[in-house]
Amino acid sequence: MTTTRTTPSPQSQPTSSRRRWPIWLFRLTITTAAVLAFDQAVFAGQFLSGSYGALHLHRDTATFTVAALAASVVTATVWRRAGAGPRWPLPASIVLFVLTALQTWLGYQLILAVHIPLGVTIIVLLIALTAAAWRKTR
């Protein structure tokens, strides 16, 4: 009795293994945004401690944080469309992008009574979103 072994074609492979790359793009962008947002708090603290050069780092990192969140919106869209991912990352990323853009504007306008608590809120939301992105998916 002889048995022949056939290799599975790409079409017969499970779709989940072929579509894992979008989640990794989303995880990369949202983690980057979370690290940059945390750095924002560090730079603000350094500035308040008398290191005035940290204000420039705080300002420049704001731009990178907004860009990372814009990238997370794009990668959440790709994950949803190409990878058949869940719906929640896209609206969560959009909300965080809008909040961070507002946060940046408030900082430039020196509206610190809103800028500082909103910054804390953004960091907490980014940590929650990053943790959710790194949980096991089906």
C-alpha atoms as a PDB file:
ATOM      1  CA  MET A   1       0.000   0.000   0.000  1.00  0.00           C
ATOM      2  CA  THR A   2       1.533   3.260  -1.061  1.00  0.00           C
ATOM      3  CA  THR A   3       0.413   6.673  -0.035  1.00  0.00           C
ATOM      4  CA  THR A   4       1.140   9.831  -1.886  1.00  0.00           C
ATOM      5  CA  ARG A   5       1.776  12.982  -0.047  1.00  0.00           C
ATOM      6  CA  THR A   6       0.559  16.236  -1.466  1.00  0.00           C
ATOM      7  CA  THR A   7       1.595  19.662  -0.335  1.00  0.00           C
ATOM      8  CA  PRO A   8      -1.241  22.021   0.345  1.00  0.00           C
ATOM      9  CA  SER A   9      -1.734  24.827  -2.110  1.00  0.00           C
ATOM     10  CA  PRO A  10      -1.700  28.428  -0.853  1.00  0.00           C
ATOM     11  CA  GLN A  11      -5.464  28.560  -1.349  1.00  0.00           C
ATOM     12  CA  SER A  12      -5.991  25.646   1.046  1.00  0.00           C
ATOM     13  CA  GLN A  13      -3.920  27.189   3.848  1.00  0.00           C
ATOM     14  CA  PRO A  14      -5.879  28.794   6.656  1.00  0.00           C
ATOM     15  CA  THR A  15      -6.584  32.451   6.003  1.00  0.00           C
ATOM     16  CA  SER A  16      -5.531  33.416   9.522  1.00  0.00           C
ATOM     17  CA  SER A  17      -1.906  32.397   8.934  1.00  0.00           C
ATOM     18  CA  ARG A  18      -1.716  34.292   5.655  1.00  0.00           C
ATOM     19  CA  ARG A  19      -3.263  37.450   7.111  1.00  0.00           C
ATOM     20  CA  ARG A  20      -1.253  37.943  10.280  1.00  0.00           C
ATOM     21  CA  TRP A  21       0.889  40.780   8.919  1.00  0.00           C
ATOM     22  CA  PRO A  22      -1.740  43.564   9.326  1.00  0.00           C
ATOM     23  CA  ILE A  23      -2.008  43.021  13.077  1.00  0.00           C
ATOM     24  CA  TRP A  24       1.764  43.321  13.401  1.00  0.00           C
ATOM     25  CA  LEU A  25       1.708  46.641  11.516  1.00  0.00           C
ATOM     26  CA  PHE A  26      -1.010  47.914  13.835  1.00  0.00           C
ATOM     27  CA  ARG A  27       0.839  46.712  16.919  1.00  0.00           C
ATOM     28  CA  LEU A  28       4.015  48.446  15.733  1.00  0.00           C
ATOM     29  CA  THR A  29       2.341  51.800  15.073  1.00  0.00           C
ATOM     30  CA  ILE A  30       0.208  51.864  18.215  1.00  0.00           C
ATOM     31  CA  THR A  31       3.137  50.823  20.413  1.00  0.00           C
ATOM     32  CA  THR A  32       5.273  53.547  18.845  1.00  0.00           C
ATOM     33  CA  ALA A  33       2.550  56.093  19.556  1.00  0.00           C
ATOM     34  CA  ALA A  34       2.294  54.922  23.175  1.00  0.00           C
ATOM     35  CA  VAL A  35       6.058  55.207  23.727  1.00  0.00           C
ATOM     36  CA  LEU A  36       6.143  58.661  22.150  1.00  0.00           C
ATOM     37  CA  ALA A  37       3.211  59.824  24.295  1.00  0.00           C
ATOM     38  CA  PHE A  38       4.934  58.553  27.426  1.00  0.00           C
ATOM     39  CA  ASP A  39       8.078  60.429  26.338  1.00  0.00           C
ATOM     40  CA  GLN A  40       5.937  63.557  26.141  1.00  0.00           C
ATOM     41  CA  ALA A  41       5.252  63.341  29.862  1.00  0.00           C
ATOM     42  CA  VAL A  42       8.961  62.812  30.566  1.00  0.00           C
ATOM     43  CA  PHE A  43       9.967  65.831  28.475  1.00  0.00           C
ATOM     44  CA  ALA A  44       7.306  67.999  30.128  1.00  0.00           C
ATOM     45  CA  GLY A  45       8.603  66.950  33.546  1.00  0.00           C
ATOM     46  CA  GLN A  46      12.173  67.746  32.520  1.00  0.00           C
ATOM     47  CA  PHE A  47      11.086  71.169  31.319  1.00  0.00           C
ATOM     48  CA  LEU A  48       9.293  71.866  34.602  1.00  0.00           C
ATOM     49  CA  SER A  49      12.450  70.782  36.456  1.00  0.00           C
ATOM     50  CA  GLY A  50      14.460  73.474  34.693  1.00  0.00           C
ATOM     51  CA  SER A  51      15.808  71.712  31.615  1.00  0.00           C
ATOM     52  CA  TYR A  52      14.489  74.207  29.080  1.00  0.00           C
ATOM     53  CA  GLY A  53      15.790  72.281  26.067  1.00  0.00           C
ATOM     54  CA  ALA A  54      13.263  69.589  26.905  1.00  0.00           C
ATOM     55  CA  LEU A  55      10.502  71.938  25.735  1.00  0.00           C
ATOM     56  CA  HIS A  56      11.819  71.608  22.176  1.00  0.00           C
ATOM     57  CA  LEU A  57      11.831  67.817  22.517  1.00  0.00           C
ATOM     58  CA  HIS A  58       8.277  67.997  23.887  1.00  0.00           C
ATOM     59  CA  ARG A  59       7.197  70.083  20.892  1.00  0.00           C
ATOM     60  CA  ASP A  60       8.944  67.909  18.291  1.00  0.00           C
ATOM     61  CA  THR A  61       7.754  64.647  19.808  1.00  0.00           C
ATOM     62  CA  ALA A  62       4.174  65.932  19.608  1.00  0.00           C
ATOM     63  CA  THR A  63       4.513  65.950  15.826  1.00  0.00           C
ATOM     64  CA  PHE A  64       5.875  62.406  15.802  1.00  0.00           C
ATOM     65  CA  THR A  65       3.101  61.218  18.120  1.00  0.00           C
ATOM     66  CA  VAL A  66       0.397  62.627  15.833  1.00  0.00           C
ATOM     67  CA  ALA A  67       2.146  61.016  12.839  1.00  0.00           C
ATOM     68  CA  ALA A  68       2.338  57.640  14.622  1.00  0.00           C
ATOM     69  CA  LEU A  69      -1.369  57.827  15.399  1.00  0.00           C
ATOM     70  CA  ALA A  70      -2.148  58.746  11.789  1.00  0.00           C
ATOM     71  CA  ALA A  71      -0.181  55.645  10.787  1.00  0.00           C
ATOM     72  CA  SER A  72      -2.171  53.600  13.306  1.00  0.00           C
ATOM     73  CA  VAL A  73      -5.406  54.751  11.649  1.00  0.00           C
ATOM     74  CA  VAL A  74      -4.043  53.538   8.305  1.00  0.00           C
ATOM     75  CA  THR A  75      -2.814  50.227   9.717  1.00  0.00           C
ATOM     76  CA  ALA A  76      -6.092  49.651  11.579  1.00  0.00           C
ATOM     77  CA  THR A  77      -7.888  50.136   8.262  1.00  0.00           C
ATOM     78  CA  VAL A  78      -5.544  47.684   6.528  1.00  0.00           C
ATOM     79  CA  TRP A  79      -5.967  45.176   9.347  1.00  0.00           C
ATOM     80  CA  ARG A  80      -9.757  45.428   9.088  1.00  0.00           C
ATOM     81  CA  ARG A  81      -9.891  45.207   5.293  1.00  0.00           C
ATOM     82  CA  ALA A  82      -7.010  42.906   4.325  1.00  0.00           C
ATOM     83  CA  GLY A  83      -6.741  40.867   7.475  1.00  0.00           C
ATOM     84  CA  ALA A  84     -10.407  40.692   8.431  1.00  0.00           C
ATOM     85  CA  GLY A  85      -9.537  42.134  11.837  1.00  0.00           C
ATOM     86  CA  PRO A  86     -11.941  43.417  14.459  1.00  0.00           C
ATOM     87  CA  ARG A  87     -13.768  46.729  14.149  1.00  0.00           C
ATOM     88  CA  TRP A  88     -12.624  48.373  17.410  1.00  0.00           C
ATOM     89  CA  PRO A  89      -9.043  49.411  16.450  1.00  0.00           C
ATOM     90  CA  LEU A  90     -10.154  51.817  13.723  1.00  0.00           C
ATOM     91  CA  PRO A  91     -12.539  54.042  15.743  1.00  0.00           C
ATOM     92  CA  ALA A  92     -10.202  53.870  18.752  1.00  0.00           C
ATOM     93  CA  SER A  93      -7.270  55.014  16.611  1.00  0.00           C
ATOM     94  CA  ILE A  94      -9.312  57.796  15.036  1.00  0.00           C
ATOM     95  CA  VAL A  95     -10.434  59.085  18.446  1.00  0.00           C
ATOM     96  CA  LEU A  96      -6.863  59.042  19.752  1.00  0.00           C
ATOM     97  CA  PHE A  97      -5.590  60.773  16.610  1.00  0.00           C
ATOM     98  CA  VAL A  98      -8.174  63.558  17.001  1.00  0.00           C
ATOM     99  CA  LEU A  99      -7.489  63.905  20.740  1.00  0.00           C
ATOM    100  CA  THR A 100      -3.739  64.095  20.142  1.00  0.00           C
ATOM    101  CA  ALA A 101      -4.116  66.674  17.373  1.00  0.00           C
ATOM    102  CA  LEU A 102      -6.318  68.716  19.739  1.00  0.00           C
ATOM    103  CA  GLN A 103      -3.746  68.190  22.493  1.00  0.00           C
ATOM    104  CA  THR A 104      -0.981  69.553  20.260  1.00  0.00           C
ATOM    105  CA  TRP A 105      -3.061  72.602  19.358  1.00  0.00           C
ATOM    106  CA  LEU A 106      -3.883  73.255  23.025  1.00  0.00           C
ATOM    107  CA  GLY A 107      -0.172  73.106  23.860  1.00  0.00           C
ATOM    108  CA  TYR A 108       0.709  75.667  21.200  1.00  0.00           C
ATOM    109  CA  GLN A 109      -2.087  77.907  22.492  1.00  0.00           C
ATOM    110  CA  LEU A 110      -0.764  77.468  26.069  1.00  0.00           C
ATOM    111  CA  ILE A 111      -4.147  76.297  27.338  1.00  0.00           C
ATOM    112  CA  LEU A 112      -2.465  74.205  30.014  1.00  0.00           C
ATOM    113  CA  ALA A 113      -5.574  73.732  32.178  1.00  0.00           C
ATOM    114  CA  VAL A 114      -6.880  71.401  29.452  1.00  0.00           C
ATOM    115  CA  HIS A 115      -3.552  70.387  27.861  1.00  0.00           C
ATOM    116  CA  ILE A 116      -2.165  68.604  30.927  1.00  0.00           C
ATOM    117  CA  PRO A 117      -5.209  66.513  31.955  1.00  0.00           C
ATOM    118  CA  LEU A 118      -5.907  65.658  28.313  1.00  0.00           C
ATOM    119  CA  GLY A 119      -2.314  64.472  27.986  1.00  0.00           C
ATOM    120  CA  VAL A 120      -2.756  62.143  30.947  1.00  0.00           C
ATOM    121  CA  THR A 121      -6.015  60.841  29.449  1.00  0.00           C
ATOM    122  CA  ILE A 122      -4.348  60.201  26.085  1.00  0.00           C
ATOM    123  CA  ILE A 123      -1.522  58.234  27.700  1.00  0.00           C
ATOM    124  CA  VAL A 124      -3.987  56.072  29.656  1.00  0.00           C
ATOM    125  CA  LEU A 125      -6.075  55.417  26.521  1.00  0.00           C
ATOM    126  CA  LEU A 126      -2.966  54.601  24.481  1.00  0.00           C
ATOM    127  CA  ILE A 127      -1.762  52.132  27.106  1.00  0.00           C
ATOM    128  CA  ALA A 128      -5.193  50.454  27.091  1.00  0.00           C
ATOM    129  CA  LEU A 129      -5.286  50.313  23.278  1.00  0.00           C
ATOM    130  CA  THR A 130      -1.728  49.004  23.082  1.00  0.00           C
ATOM    131  CA  ALA A 131      -2.474  46.284  25.651  1.00  0.00           C
ATOM    132  CA  ALA A 132      -5.603  45.299  23.732  1.00  0.00           C
ATOM    133  CA  ALA A 133      -3.661  45.146  20.460  1.00  0.00           C
ATOM    134  CA  TRP A 134      -1.103  42.770  21.973  1.00  0.00           C
ATOM    135  CA  ARG A 135      -3.691  40.337  23.344  1.00  0.00           C
ATOM    136  CA  LYS A 136      -4.041  37.059  21.531  1.00  0.00           C
ATOM    137  CA  THR A 137      -6.402  37.241  18.589  1.00  0.00           C
ATOM    138  CA  ARG A 138      -8.445  34.466  17.074  1.00  0.00           C
END
